[in-house]
Amino acid sequence: MSFLRKHLNNISHSPLSTLRRFSNLTPPPTSATSYDTLAANFATSGDFTSLHSILNKRIQHGFFNTKHTFNFITNSNFTPSLLQNLITTLSRLNPGFTRRNAFDSLITRLCKLRLIEDALTVVQSMSRVDDMDNELKACTFHPILSFLTRVKSLDQAKRVVEVMSELGVPLDLTAHNYFLMTYCYVGDVEAAVTVLRTMEEEGFCFDSRTYDALVLGACRKRNVVGAMVLVRRMVDDGAPMLYSTHMFVIEALVKRDLFEQALSYVRCFSGKDKGLDCELFGCLGGKLMGMSKLKEAMLVLREMDEKGLKMCKNVREFYDMNVGVENDDKLLE
């Protein structure tokens, strides 16, 4: 009995320590969402020690950080002290993928909140962590460059490229594509050509997003022939086409009143993927509806109906309302 009393007296009766002991015995979370919830609970309660532990464990258990991991950060609760606590916590994570993936997720969240300067602060902090300078990758900068080029803040985006250069991180294909898309969108042909030359000099092969940007640029310059040449090159190169690439071409053809060519284009790419068929025919029909081209729109929608392709609610209502109204014999006159 004295032996039992001696050891029982050495057991802490602190509720917190008891809770922690029992929590260590419970099974680990079984989904990325569960880990995200735990991370949010620990961070909002100021328990950065537990946050550090759960961020390490989730990777060990095969659950990467997601775009939701740092959703507990909002514009209303964000403070420099919170950011510093997070940087300190993440800096102590297991080196390699665990640490870099957490930092990348944090940067993505800050960019979502438009806190670009704070995202760059995180990057600079990463570069000062022991043995982490060689972990910096171009993908760490993707959320920053994506946001800045999307809002046309090109001067600031170029300063980010300078930061990358100072840290020894070269632009990858994705980063080049961000600039290319923006230049093509605004119609700066000279700048777009410069980006393409740089990509070729650095040995990059064009991917789907490169072609997507080039097709957009051609269409915005009303160069439909050039856009079609690019599409043909994509097909020849075997590059998968994005939905947006098809949409750019269809819109350009419709705006130039080239209905027959637009319908031929849609038919050319149909029949292999029902989801793509719905998008292509639906896009063409919707564009024609928006231009009040009733007969042409109804021809497209009738073909959709015959193929059993799903229409969105407003397109279906338009079709049902106008079935039998159009005069097919004079449709293309």
C-alpha atoms as a PDB file:
ATOM      1  CA  MET A   1       0.000   0.000   0.000  1.00  0.00           C
ATOM      2  CA  SER A   2       2.810   2.405   0.807  1.00  0.00           C
ATOM      3  CA  PHE A   3       4.285   1.647  -2.619  1.00  0.00           C
ATOM      4  CA  LEU A   4       1.005   2.651  -4.329  1.00  0.00           C
ATOM      5  CA  ARG A   5       0.636   5.810  -2.249  1.00  0.00           C
ATOM      6  CA  LYS A   6       4.197   6.854  -3.051  1.00  0.00           C
ATOM      7  CA  HIS A   7       3.670   6.635  -6.808  1.00  0.00           C
ATOM      8  CA  LEU A   8       0.157   8.024  -6.787  1.00  0.00           C
ATOM      9  CA  ASN A   9       1.409  11.150  -4.997  1.00  0.00           C
ATOM     10  CA  ASN A  10       3.866  11.757  -7.871  1.00  0.00           C
ATOM     11  CA  ILE A  11       1.073  11.923 -10.478  1.00  0.00           C
ATOM     12  CA  SER A  12       0.123  15.466 -11.468  1.00  0.00           C
ATOM     13  CA  HIS A  13      -3.568  16.249 -11.007  1.00  0.00           C
ATOM     14  CA  SER A  14      -3.479  19.289 -13.285  1.00  0.00           C
ATOM     15  CA  PRO A  15      -6.546  19.154 -15.562  1.00  0.00           C
ATOM     16  CA  LEU A  16      -4.450  20.531 -18.450  1.00  0.00           C
ATOM     17  CA  SER A  17      -1.747  17.909 -18.102  1.00  0.00           C
ATOM     18  CA  THR A  18      -4.394  15.195 -17.819  1.00  0.00           C
ATOM     19  CA  LEU A  19      -6.098  16.479 -20.970  1.00  0.00           C
ATOM     20  CA  ARG A  20      -2.821  16.484 -22.850  1.00  0.00           C
ATOM     21  CA  ARG A  21      -2.010  12.924 -21.764  1.00  0.00           C
ATOM     22  CA  PHE A  22      -5.395  11.672 -22.917  1.00  0.00           C
ATOM     23  CA  SER A  23      -5.170  13.626 -26.192  1.00  0.00           C
ATOM     24  CA  ASN A  24      -1.933  11.810 -26.966  1.00  0.00           C
ATOM     25  CA  LEU A  25      -3.797   8.516 -26.656  1.00  0.00           C
ATOM     26  CA  THR A  26      -6.581   9.409 -29.095  1.00  0.00           C
ATOM     27  CA  PRO A  27      -6.305   8.319 -32.725  1.00  0.00           C
ATOM     28  CA  PRO A  28      -4.817  10.937 -35.090  1.00  0.00           C
ATOM     29  CA  PRO A  29      -7.153  12.939 -37.351  1.00  0.00           C
ATOM     30  CA  THR A  30      -8.173  11.067 -40.474  1.00  0.00           C
ATOM     31  CA  SER A  31      -8.515  13.932 -42.981  1.00  0.00           C
ATOM     32  CA  ALA A  32      -6.872  17.160 -44.033  1.00  0.00           C
ATOM     33  CA  THR A  33     -10.016  18.999 -42.918  1.00  0.00           C
ATOM     34  CA  SER A  34      -9.646  17.599 -39.391  1.00  0.00           C
ATOM     35  CA  TYR A  35      -6.045  18.785 -39.248  1.00  0.00           C
ATOM     36  CA  ASP A  36      -7.090  22.216 -40.524  1.00  0.00           C
ATOM     37  CA  THR A  37      -9.701  22.452 -37.754  1.00  0.00           C
ATOM     38  CA  LEU A  38      -7.168  21.527 -35.093  1.00  0.00           C
ATOM     39  CA  ALA A  39      -4.652  24.021 -36.461  1.00  0.00           C
ATOM     40  CA  ALA A  40      -7.275  26.774 -36.328  1.00  0.00           C
ATOM     41  CA  ASN A  41      -8.271  25.880 -32.757  1.00  0.00           C
ATOM     42  CA  PHE A  42      -4.677  25.888 -31.515  1.00  0.00           C
ATOM     43  CA  ALA A  43      -3.761  29.122 -33.297  1.00  0.00           C
ATOM     44  CA  THR A  44      -6.839  31.076 -32.180  1.00  0.00           C
ATOM     45  CA  SER A  45      -6.248  29.961 -28.574  1.00  0.00           C
ATOM     46  CA  GLY A  46      -2.607  31.040 -28.786  1.00  0.00           C
ATOM     47  CA  ASP A  47      -1.283  27.494 -28.305  1.00  0.00           C
ATOM     48  CA  PHE A  48       1.528  27.676 -30.831  1.00  0.00           C
ATOM     49  CA  THR A  49       3.318  24.700 -29.262  1.00  0.00           C
ATOM     50  CA  SER A  50       0.386  22.449 -30.156  1.00  0.00           C
ATOM     51  CA  LEU A  51       0.127  24.127 -33.568  1.00  0.00           C
ATOM     52  CA  HIS A  52       3.766  23.235 -34.188  1.00  0.00           C
ATOM     53  CA  SER A  53       3.072  19.635 -33.203  1.00  0.00           C
ATOM     54  CA  ILE A  54      -0.020  19.205 -35.377  1.00  0.00           C
ATOM     55  CA  LEU A  55       1.674  20.738 -38.428  1.00  0.00           C
ATOM     56  CA  ASN A  56       4.498  18.232 -38.059  1.00  0.00           C
ATOM     57  CA  LYS A  57       2.184  15.288 -37.489  1.00  0.00           C
ATOM     58  CA  ARG A  58      -0.128  15.958 -40.438  1.00  0.00           C
ATOM     59  CA  ILE A  59       2.709  15.508 -42.919  1.00  0.00           C
ATOM     60  CA  GLN A  60       3.931  12.407 -41.094  1.00  0.00           C
ATOM     61  CA  HIS A  61       0.420  10.978 -41.463  1.00  0.00           C
ATOM     62  CA  GLY A  62       0.226  11.849 -45.166  1.00  0.00           C
ATOM     63  CA  PHE A  63      -1.983  14.959 -45.075  1.00  0.00           C
ATOM     64  CA  PHE A  64      -0.498  17.990 -46.835  1.00  0.00           C
ATOM     65  CA  ASN A  65      -1.380  21.502 -45.788  1.00  0.00           C
ATOM     66  CA  THR A  66      -4.228  22.963 -47.845  1.00  0.00           C
ATOM     67  CA  LYS A  67      -5.410  26.398 -48.865  1.00  0.00           C
ATOM     68  CA  HIS A  68      -7.663  26.218 -45.797  1.00  0.00           C
ATOM     69  CA  THR A  69      -4.953  25.431 -43.202  1.00  0.00           C
ATOM     70  CA  PHE A  70      -4.441  29.091 -42.320  1.00  0.00           C
ATOM     71  CA  ASN A  71      -8.035  30.244 -42.824  1.00  0.00           C
ATOM     72  CA  PHE A  72      -8.065  31.294 -39.175  1.00  0.00           C
ATOM     73  CA  ILE A  73      -6.132  34.361 -40.366  1.00  0.00           C
ATOM     74  CA  THR A  74      -8.542  37.100 -41.418  1.00  0.00           C
ATOM     75  CA  ASN A  75      -8.230  40.774 -42.237  1.00  0.00           C
ATOM     76  CA  SER A  76      -9.934  41.589 -38.941  1.00  0.00           C
ATOM     77  CA  ASN A  77      -7.713  39.498 -36.639  1.00  0.00           C
ATOM     78  CA  PHE A  78      -4.416  39.822 -38.514  1.00  0.00           C
ATOM     79  CA  THR A  79      -1.637  41.526 -36.535  1.00  0.00           C
ATOM     80  CA  PRO A  80       2.157  41.692 -36.918  1.00  0.00           C
ATOM     81  CA  SER A  81       2.503  39.737 -33.667  1.00  0.00           C
ATOM     82  CA  LEU A  82       0.307  36.906 -34.992  1.00  0.00           C
ATOM     83  CA  LEU A  83       2.414  36.755 -38.142  1.00  0.00           C
ATOM     84  CA  GLN A  84       5.630  36.682 -36.131  1.00  0.00           C
ATOM     85  CA  ASN A  85       4.328  33.875 -33.923  1.00  0.00           C
ATOM     86  CA  LEU A  86       3.421  31.873 -37.020  1.00  0.00           C
ATOM     87  CA  ILE A  87       6.798  32.480 -38.642  1.00  0.00           C
ATOM     88  CA  THR A  88       8.561  31.364 -35.446  1.00  0.00           C
ATOM     89  CA  THR A  89       6.372  28.274 -35.219  1.00  0.00           C
ATOM     90  CA  LEU A  90       6.846  27.283 -38.843  1.00  0.00           C
ATOM     91  CA  SER A  91      10.594  27.911 -38.695  1.00  0.00           C
ATOM     92  CA  ARG A  92      10.893  25.146 -36.073  1.00  0.00           C
ATOM     93  CA  LEU A  93       9.024  22.534 -38.124  1.00  0.00           C
ATOM     94  CA  ASN A  94      10.790  19.469 -39.461  1.00  0.00           C
ATOM     95  CA  PRO A  95      13.115  20.606 -42.265  1.00  0.00           C
ATOM     96  CA  GLY A  96      12.359  19.833 -45.877  1.00  0.00           C
ATOM     97  CA  PHE A  97       8.892  19.409 -47.304  1.00  0.00           C
ATOM     98  CA  THR A  98       7.051  19.740 -43.963  1.00  0.00           C
ATOM     99  CA  ARG A  99       8.423  23.198 -43.305  1.00  0.00           C
ATOM    100  CA  ARG A 100       8.293  24.488 -46.868  1.00  0.00           C
ATOM    101  CA  ASN A 101       4.748  23.245 -47.456  1.00  0.00           C
ATOM    102  CA  ALA A 102       3.524  25.037 -44.326  1.00  0.00           C
ATOM    103  CA  PHE A 103       5.233  28.277 -45.322  1.00  0.00           C
ATOM    104  CA  ASP A 104       3.831  28.033 -48.852  1.00  0.00           C
ATOM    105  CA  SER A 105       0.313  27.561 -47.467  1.00  0.00           C
ATOM    106  CA  LEU A 106       0.737  30.582 -45.200  1.00  0.00           C
ATOM    107  CA  ILE A 107       1.887  32.719 -48.133  1.00  0.00           C
ATOM    108  CA  THR A 108      -1.098  31.568 -50.187  1.00  0.00           C
ATOM    109  CA  ARG A 109      -3.466  32.636 -47.413  1.00  0.00           C
ATOM    110  CA  LEU A 110      -1.833  36.064 -47.052  1.00  0.00           C
ATOM    111  CA  CYS A 111      -2.135  36.646 -50.793  1.00  0.00           C
ATOM    112  CA  LYS A 112      -5.798  35.653 -50.609  1.00  0.00           C
ATOM    113  CA  LEU A 113      -6.196  38.462 -48.072  1.00  0.00           C
ATOM    114  CA  ARG A 114      -4.203  40.819 -50.337  1.00  0.00           C
ATOM    115  CA  LEU A 115      -1.459  41.095 -47.707  1.00  0.00           C
ATOM    116  CA  ILE A 116       1.314  41.013 -50.269  1.00  0.00           C
ATOM    117  CA  GLU A 117       3.964  42.854 -48.266  1.00  0.00           C
ATOM    118  CA  ASP A 118       3.382  40.479 -45.360  1.00  0.00           C
ATOM    119  CA  ALA A 119       3.698  37.530 -47.736  1.00  0.00           C
ATOM    120  CA  LEU A 120       7.076  38.905 -48.817  1.00  0.00           C
ATOM    121  CA  THR A 121       8.016  39.274 -45.157  1.00  0.00           C
ATOM    122  CA  VAL A 122       7.381  35.553 -44.779  1.00  0.00           C
ATOM    123  CA  VAL A 123       9.603  34.830 -47.794  1.00  0.00           C
ATOM    124  CA  GLN A 124      12.426  36.919 -46.352  1.00  0.00           C
ATOM    125  CA  SER A 125      12.024  35.129 -43.018  1.00  0.00           C
ATOM    126  CA  MET A 126      12.235  31.771 -44.795  1.00  0.00           C
ATOM    127  CA  SER A 127      15.541  32.796 -46.361  1.00  0.00           C
ATOM    128  CA  ARG A 128      16.986  33.504 -42.897  1.00  0.00           C
ATOM    129  CA  VAL A 129      16.037  30.142 -41.387  1.00  0.00           C
ATOM    130  CA  ASP A 130      19.043  27.866 -40.984  1.00  0.00           C
ATOM    131  CA  ASP A 131      19.464  25.431 -43.888  1.00  0.00           C
ATOM    132  CA  MET A 132      16.315  26.725 -45.570  1.00  0.00           C
ATOM    133  CA  ASP A 133      17.812  28.981 -48.199  1.00  0.00           C
ATOM    134  CA  ASN A 134      18.126  25.977 -50.518  1.00  0.00           C
ATOM    135  CA  GLU A 135      14.454  25.085 -49.897  1.00  0.00           C
ATOM    136  CA  LEU A 136      13.147  28.256 -51.547  1.00  0.00           C
ATOM    137  CA  LYS A 137      11.453  27.385 -54.817  1.00  0.00           C
ATOM    138  CA  ALA A 138       9.714  29.402 -57.522  1.00  0.00           C
ATOM    139  CA  CYS A 139       6.394  27.865 -56.446  1.00  0.00           C
ATOM    140  CA  THR A 140       6.707  29.746 -53.132  1.00  0.00           C
ATOM    141  CA  PHE A 141       6.355  32.965 -55.136  1.00  0.00           C
ATOM    142  CA  HIS A 142       3.508  31.762 -57.366  1.00  0.00           C
ATOM    143  CA  PRO A 143       0.649  33.142 -55.202  1.00  0.00           C
ATOM    144  CA  ILE A 144       2.388  36.528 -55.003  1.00  0.00           C
ATOM    145  CA  LEU A 145       3.119  36.780 -58.723  1.00  0.00           C
ATOM    146  CA  SER A 146      -0.320  35.435 -59.624  1.00  0.00           C
ATOM    147  CA  PHE A 147      -2.047  38.131 -57.586  1.00  0.00           C
ATOM    148  CA  LEU A 148       0.135  41.010 -58.740  1.00  0.00           C
ATOM    149  CA  THR A 149      -0.059  40.149 -62.450  1.00  0.00           C
ATOM    150  CA  ARG A 150      -3.796  39.508 -62.196  1.00  0.00           C
ATOM    151  CA  VAL A 151      -4.392  43.013 -60.804  1.00  0.00           C
ATOM    152  CA  LYS A 152      -1.910  44.434 -63.366  1.00  0.00           C
ATOM    153  CA  SER A 153       0.583  45.598 -60.697  1.00  0.00           C
ATOM    154  CA  LEU A 154       3.447  44.788 -63.023  1.00  0.00           C
ATOM    155  CA  ASP A 155       6.002  47.129 -61.458  1.00  0.00           C
ATOM    156  CA  GLN A 156       5.514  45.444 -58.101  1.00  0.00           C
ATOM    157  CA  ALA A 157       5.590  42.025 -59.757  1.00  0.00           C
ATOM    158  CA  LYS A 158       8.947  42.895 -61.330  1.00  0.00           C
ATOM    159  CA  ARG A 159      10.279  43.892 -57.909  1.00  0.00           C
ATOM    160  CA  VAL A 160       9.276  40.435 -56.669  1.00  0.00           C
ATOM    161  CA  VAL A 161      11.296  38.936 -59.534  1.00  0.00           C
ATOM    162  CA  GLU A 162      14.255  41.012 -58.316  1.00  0.00           C
ATOM    163  CA  VAL A 163      13.789  39.575 -54.820  1.00  0.00           C
ATOM    164  CA  MET A 164      13.744  36.088 -56.325  1.00  0.00           C
ATOM    165  CA  SER A 165      16.970  36.827 -58.165  1.00  0.00           C
ATOM    166  CA  GLU A 166      18.638  38.111 -54.982  1.00  0.00           C
ATOM    167  CA  LEU A 167      17.648  34.880 -53.229  1.00  0.00           C
ATOM    168  CA  GLY A 168      18.894  32.747 -56.108  1.00  0.00           C
ATOM    169  CA  VAL A 169      15.442  31.576 -57.201  1.00  0.00           C
ATOM    170  CA  PRO A 170      14.931  31.642 -61.013  1.00  0.00           C
ATOM    171  CA  LEU A 171      11.522  32.018 -62.637  1.00  0.00           C
ATOM    172  CA  ASP A 172       9.930  28.771 -63.722  1.00  0.00           C
ATOM    173  CA  LEU A 173       7.451  28.169 -66.555  1.00  0.00           C
ATOM    174  CA  THR A 174       4.428  29.037 -64.404  1.00  0.00           C
ATOM    175  CA  ALA A 175       5.920  32.365 -63.321  1.00  0.00           C
ATOM    176  CA  HIS A 176       6.707  33.301 -66.929  1.00  0.00           C
ATOM    177  CA  ASN A 177       3.147  32.388 -67.894  1.00  0.00           C
ATOM    178  CA  TYR A 178       1.730  34.804 -65.308  1.00  0.00           C
ATOM    179  CA  PHE A 179       3.521  37.712 -67.004  1.00  0.00           C
ATOM    180  CA  LEU A 180       2.729  36.443 -70.493  1.00  0.00           C
ATOM    181  CA  MET A 181      -0.997  36.218 -69.758  1.00  0.00           C
ATOM    182  CA  THR A 182      -1.099  39.759 -68.402  1.00  0.00           C
ATOM    183  CA  TYR A 183       0.818  41.217 -71.344  1.00  0.00           C
ATOM    184  CA  CYS A 184      -1.439  39.390 -73.800  1.00  0.00           C
ATOM    185  CA  TYR A 185      -4.541  40.562 -71.950  1.00  0.00           C
ATOM    186  CA  VAL A 186      -3.526  44.229 -72.014  1.00  0.00           C
ATOM    187  CA  GLY A 187      -2.300  43.969 -75.595  1.00  0.00           C
ATOM    188  CA  ASP A 188       1.385  44.702 -74.918  1.00  0.00           C
ATOM    189  CA  VAL A 189       2.740  42.643 -77.817  1.00  0.00           C
ATOM    190  CA  GLU A 190       6.333  43.800 -77.423  1.00  0.00           C
ATOM    191  CA  ALA A 191       6.467  42.744 -73.758  1.00  0.00           C
ATOM    192  CA  ALA A 192       4.807  39.417 -74.582  1.00  0.00           C
ATOM    193  CA  VAL A 193       7.384  38.709 -77.290  1.00  0.00           C
ATOM    194  CA  THR A 194      10.166  39.494 -74.823  1.00  0.00           C
ATOM    195  CA  VAL A 195       8.765  36.964 -72.373  1.00  0.00           C
ATOM    196  CA  LEU A 196       8.518  34.330 -75.118  1.00  0.00           C
ATOM    197  CA  ARG A 197      12.110  34.919 -76.169  1.00  0.00           C
ATOM    198  CA  THR A 198      13.278  34.593 -72.576  1.00  0.00           C
ATOM    199  CA  MET A 199      11.333  31.350 -72.179  1.00  0.00           C
ATOM    200  CA  GLU A 200      12.889  29.925 -75.339  1.00  0.00           C
ATOM    201  CA  GLU A 201      16.386  31.022 -74.305  1.00  0.00           C
ATOM    202  CA  GLU A 202      15.936  29.310 -70.942  1.00  0.00           C
ATOM    203  CA  GLY A 203      14.790  26.124 -72.614  1.00  0.00           C
ATOM    204  CA  PHE A 204      11.147  26.102 -71.563  1.00  0.00           C
ATOM    205  CA  CYS A 205       8.604  24.262 -73.700  1.00  0.00           C
ATOM    206  CA  PHE A 206       5.212  25.890 -74.134  1.00  0.00           C
ATOM    207  CA  ASP A 207       2.453  24.327 -72.054  1.00  0.00           C
ATOM    208  CA  SER A 208      -1.332  24.711 -72.063  1.00  0.00           C
ATOM    209  CA  ARG A 209      -1.243  27.999 -70.160  1.00  0.00           C
ATOM    210  CA  THR A 210       1.362  29.455 -72.496  1.00  0.00           C
ATOM    211  CA  TYR A 211      -0.860  28.720 -75.478  1.00  0.00           C
ATOM    212  CA  ASP A 212      -3.899  29.943 -73.549  1.00  0.00           C
ATOM    213  CA  ALA A 213      -2.236  33.330 -73.115  1.00  0.00           C
ATOM    214  CA  LEU A 214      -1.149  33.515 -76.752  1.00  0.00           C
ATOM    215  CA  VAL A 215      -4.604  32.617 -78.053  1.00  0.00           C
ATOM    216  CA  LEU A 216      -6.097  35.264 -75.784  1.00  0.00           C
ATOM    217  CA  GLY A 217      -3.636  37.833 -77.119  1.00  0.00           C
ATOM    218  CA  ALA A 218      -4.445  36.978 -80.718  1.00  0.00           C
ATOM    219  CA  CYS A 219      -8.183  37.129 -80.092  1.00  0.00           C
ATOM    220  CA  ARG A 220      -7.975  40.479 -78.306  1.00  0.00           C
ATOM    221  CA  LYS A 221      -6.101  41.798 -81.331  1.00  0.00           C
ATOM    222  CA  ARG A 222      -8.942  40.460 -83.492  1.00  0.00           C
ATOM    223  CA  ASN A 223      -6.470  38.138 -85.187  1.00  0.00           C
ATOM    224  CA  VAL A 224      -8.709  35.081 -85.389  1.00  0.00           C
ATOM    225  CA  VAL A 225      -6.533  33.475 -88.061  1.00  0.00           C
ATOM    226  CA  GLY A 226      -3.534  33.726 -85.762  1.00  0.00           C
ATOM    227  CA  ALA A 227      -5.555  32.206 -82.928  1.00  0.00           C
ATOM    228  CA  MET A 228      -6.557  29.278 -85.124  1.00  0.00           C
ATOM    229  CA  VAL A 229      -2.911  28.734 -86.125  1.00  0.00           C
ATOM    230  CA  LEU A 230      -2.007  28.539 -82.433  1.00  0.00           C
ATOM    231  CA  VAL A 231      -4.826  26.072 -81.811  1.00  0.00           C
ATOM    232  CA  ARG A 232      -3.550  23.907 -84.656  1.00  0.00           C
ATOM    233  CA  ARG A 233      -0.039  24.014 -83.178  1.00  0.00           C
ATOM    234  CA  MET A 234      -1.451  22.948 -79.804  1.00  0.00           C
ATOM    235  CA  VAL A 235      -3.139  19.979 -81.422  1.00  0.00           C
ATOM    236  CA  ASP A 236       0.035  19.062 -83.308  1.00  0.00           C
ATOM    237  CA  ASP A 237       2.139  19.376 -80.135  1.00  0.00           C
ATOM    238  CA  GLY A 238      -0.352  17.314 -78.145  1.00  0.00           C
ATOM    239  CA  ALA A 239      -0.802  20.059 -75.557  1.00  0.00           C
ATOM    240  CA  PRO A 240      -4.107  19.696 -73.646  1.00  0.00           C
ATOM    241  CA  MET A 241      -6.420  22.634 -74.316  1.00  0.00           C
ATOM    242  CA  LEU A 242      -7.926  24.549 -71.431  1.00  0.00           C
ATOM    243  CA  TYR A 243     -11.631  25.402 -71.468  1.00  0.00           C
ATOM    244  CA  SER A 244     -10.678  29.074 -71.494  1.00  0.00           C
ATOM    245  CA  THR A 245      -8.707  28.639 -74.744  1.00  0.00           C
ATOM    246  CA  HIS A 246     -11.816  27.324 -76.478  1.00  0.00           C
ATOM    247  CA  MET A 247     -13.895  30.147 -75.020  1.00  0.00           C
ATOM    248  CA  PHE A 248     -11.493  32.801 -76.341  1.00  0.00           C
ATOM    249  CA  VAL A 249     -11.749  31.391 -79.881  1.00  0.00           C
ATOM    250  CA  ILE A 250     -15.535  30.980 -79.821  1.00  0.00           C
ATOM    251  CA  GLU A 251     -16.078  34.498 -78.529  1.00  0.00           C
ATOM    252  CA  ALA A 252     -13.734  35.966 -81.146  1.00  0.00           C
ATOM    253  CA  LEU A 253     -15.518  34.157 -83.970  1.00  0.00           C
ATOM    254  CA  VAL A 254     -18.965  35.177 -82.760  1.00  0.00           C
ATOM    255  CA  LYS A 255     -17.920  38.813 -82.350  1.00  0.00           C
ATOM    256  CA  ARG A 256     -16.789  38.827 -85.976  1.00  0.00           C
ATOM    257  CA  ASP A 257     -20.124  37.333 -87.002  1.00  0.00           C
ATOM    258  CA  LEU A 258     -18.477  34.132 -88.176  1.00  0.00           C
ATOM    259  CA  PHE A 259     -21.215  31.813 -86.975  1.00  0.00           C
ATOM    260  CA  GLU A 260     -20.598  28.938 -89.378  1.00  0.00           C
ATOM    261  CA  GLN A 261     -16.901  28.876 -88.505  1.00  0.00           C
ATOM    262  CA  ALA A 262     -17.729  28.971 -84.793  1.00  0.00           C
ATOM    263  CA  LEU A 263     -20.124  26.050 -85.120  1.00  0.00           C
ATOM    264  CA  SER A 264     -17.571  24.108 -87.171  1.00  0.00           C
ATOM    265  CA  TYR A 265     -14.950  24.779 -84.488  1.00  0.00           C
ATOM    266  CA  VAL A 266     -17.248  23.468 -81.750  1.00  0.00           C
ATOM    267  CA  ARG A 267     -18.149  20.372 -83.746  1.00  0.00           C
ATOM    268  CA  CYS A 268     -14.486  19.712 -84.488  1.00  0.00           C
ATOM    269  CA  PHE A 269     -13.667  19.325 -80.798  1.00  0.00           C
ATOM    270  CA  SER A 270     -16.891  17.589 -79.748  1.00  0.00           C
ATOM    271  CA  GLY A 271     -17.653  13.907 -79.330  1.00  0.00           C
ATOM    272  CA  LYS A 272     -14.777  12.911 -77.049  1.00  0.00           C
ATOM    273  CA  ASP A 273     -15.726  14.387 -73.686  1.00  0.00           C
ATOM    274  CA  LYS A 274     -19.335  15.073 -72.768  1.00  0.00           C
ATOM    275  CA  GLY A 275     -18.339  17.663 -70.186  1.00  0.00           C
ATOM    276  CA  LEU A 276     -16.326  19.544 -72.798  1.00  0.00           C
ATOM    277  CA  ASP A 277     -19.196  19.228 -75.283  1.00  0.00           C
ATOM    278  CA  CYS A 278     -21.549  20.891 -72.791  1.00  0.00           C
ATOM    279  CA  GLU A 279     -19.069  23.724 -72.281  1.00  0.00           C
ATOM    280  CA  LEU A 280     -18.408  24.303 -75.990  1.00  0.00           C
ATOM    281  CA  PHE A 281     -21.986  24.175 -77.254  1.00  0.00           C
ATOM    282  CA  GLY A 282     -23.211  26.015 -74.166  1.00  0.00           C
ATOM    283  CA  CYS A 283     -20.653  28.775 -74.629  1.00  0.00           C
ATOM    284  CA  LEU A 284     -21.528  29.241 -78.303  1.00  0.00           C
ATOM    285  CA  GLY A 285     -25.265  29.158 -77.636  1.00  0.00           C
ATOM    286  CA  GLY A 286     -24.921  31.582 -74.742  1.00  0.00           C
ATOM    287  CA  LYS A 287     -22.858  34.049 -76.780  1.00  0.00           C
ATOM    288  CA  LEU A 288     -25.430  33.984 -79.557  1.00  0.00           C
ATOM    289  CA  MET A 289     -28.259  34.463 -77.066  1.00  0.00           C
ATOM    290  CA  GLY A 290     -26.441  37.471 -75.634  1.00  0.00           C
ATOM    291  CA  MET A 291     -26.207  38.967 -79.124  1.00  0.00           C
ATOM    292  CA  SER A 292     -29.933  38.337 -79.726  1.00  0.00           C
ATOM    293  CA  LYS A 293     -29.172  35.964 -82.604  1.00  0.00           C
ATOM    294  CA  LEU A 294     -32.244  33.795 -82.017  1.00  0.00           C
ATOM    295  CA  LYS A 295     -32.061  31.548 -85.077  1.00  0.00           C
ATOM    296  CA  GLU A 296     -28.370  30.762 -84.750  1.00  0.00           C
ATOM    297  CA  ALA A 297     -28.680  30.188 -81.017  1.00  0.00           C
ATOM    298  CA  MET A 298     -31.599  27.810 -81.481  1.00  0.00           C
ATOM    299  CA  LEU A 299     -29.657  25.781 -84.043  1.00  0.00           C
ATOM    300  CA  VAL A 300     -26.860  25.270 -81.520  1.00  0.00           C
ATOM    301  CA  LEU A 301     -29.238  24.502 -78.660  1.00  0.00           C
ATOM    302  CA  ARG A 302     -31.232  22.034 -80.752  1.00  0.00           C
ATOM    303  CA  GLU A 303     -28.014  20.162 -81.474  1.00  0.00           C
ATOM    304  CA  MET A 304     -27.240  20.180 -77.761  1.00  0.00           C
ATOM    305  CA  ASP A 305     -30.677  18.756 -77.050  1.00  0.00           C
ATOM    306  CA  GLU A 306     -30.300  16.055 -79.687  1.00  0.00           C
ATOM    307  CA  LYS A 307     -26.921  15.067 -78.259  1.00  0.00           C
ATOM    308  CA  GLY A 308     -28.401  14.870 -74.764  1.00  0.00           C
ATOM    309  CA  LEU A 309     -26.092  17.603 -73.460  1.00  0.00           C
ATOM    310  CA  LYS A 310     -27.081  19.322 -70.242  1.00  0.00           C
ATOM    311  CA  MET A 311     -28.020  23.002 -70.471  1.00  0.00           C
ATOM    312  CA  CYS A 312     -27.819  25.480 -67.622  1.00  0.00           C
ATOM    313  CA  LYS A 313     -31.132  26.778 -66.293  1.00  0.00           C
ATOM    314  CA  ASN A 314     -31.384  30.021 -68.276  1.00  0.00           C
ATOM    315  CA  VAL A 315     -30.296  28.341 -71.532  1.00  0.00           C
ATOM    316  CA  ARG A 316     -32.811  25.540 -71.058  1.00  0.00           C
ATOM    317  CA  GLU A 317     -35.593  28.064 -70.383  1.00  0.00           C
ATOM    318  CA  PHE A 318     -34.621  30.020 -73.504  1.00  0.00           C
ATOM    319  CA  TYR A 319     -34.626  26.862 -75.603  1.00  0.00           C
ATOM    320  CA  ASP A 320     -37.960  25.559 -74.310  1.00  0.00           C
ATOM    321  CA  MET A 321     -39.552  28.973 -74.827  1.00  0.00           C
ATOM    322  CA  ASN A 322     -38.404  29.280 -78.431  1.00  0.00           C
ATOM    323  CA  VAL A 323     -38.724  25.723 -79.766  1.00  0.00           C
ATOM    324  CA  GLY A 324     -40.717  25.913 -82.985  1.00  0.00           C
ATOM    325  CA  VAL A 325     -40.474  29.700 -83.205  1.00  0.00           C
ATOM    326  CA  GLU A 326     -37.361  29.888 -85.356  1.00  0.00           C
ATOM    327  CA  ASN A 327     -37.477  29.364 -89.103  1.00  0.00           C
ATOM    328  CA  ASP A 328     -34.871  26.735 -89.863  1.00  0.00           C
ATOM    329  CA  ASP A 329     -35.063  27.210 -93.652  1.00  0.00           C
ATOM    330  CA  LYS A 330     -33.845  30.785 -93.376  1.00  0.00           C
ATOM    331  CA  LEU A 331     -31.532  30.231 -90.432  1.00  0.00           C
ATOM    332  CA  LEU A 332     -28.272  31.055 -92.150  1.00  0.00           C
ATOM    333  CA  GLU A 333     -29.555  33.645 -94.633  1.00  0.00           C
END
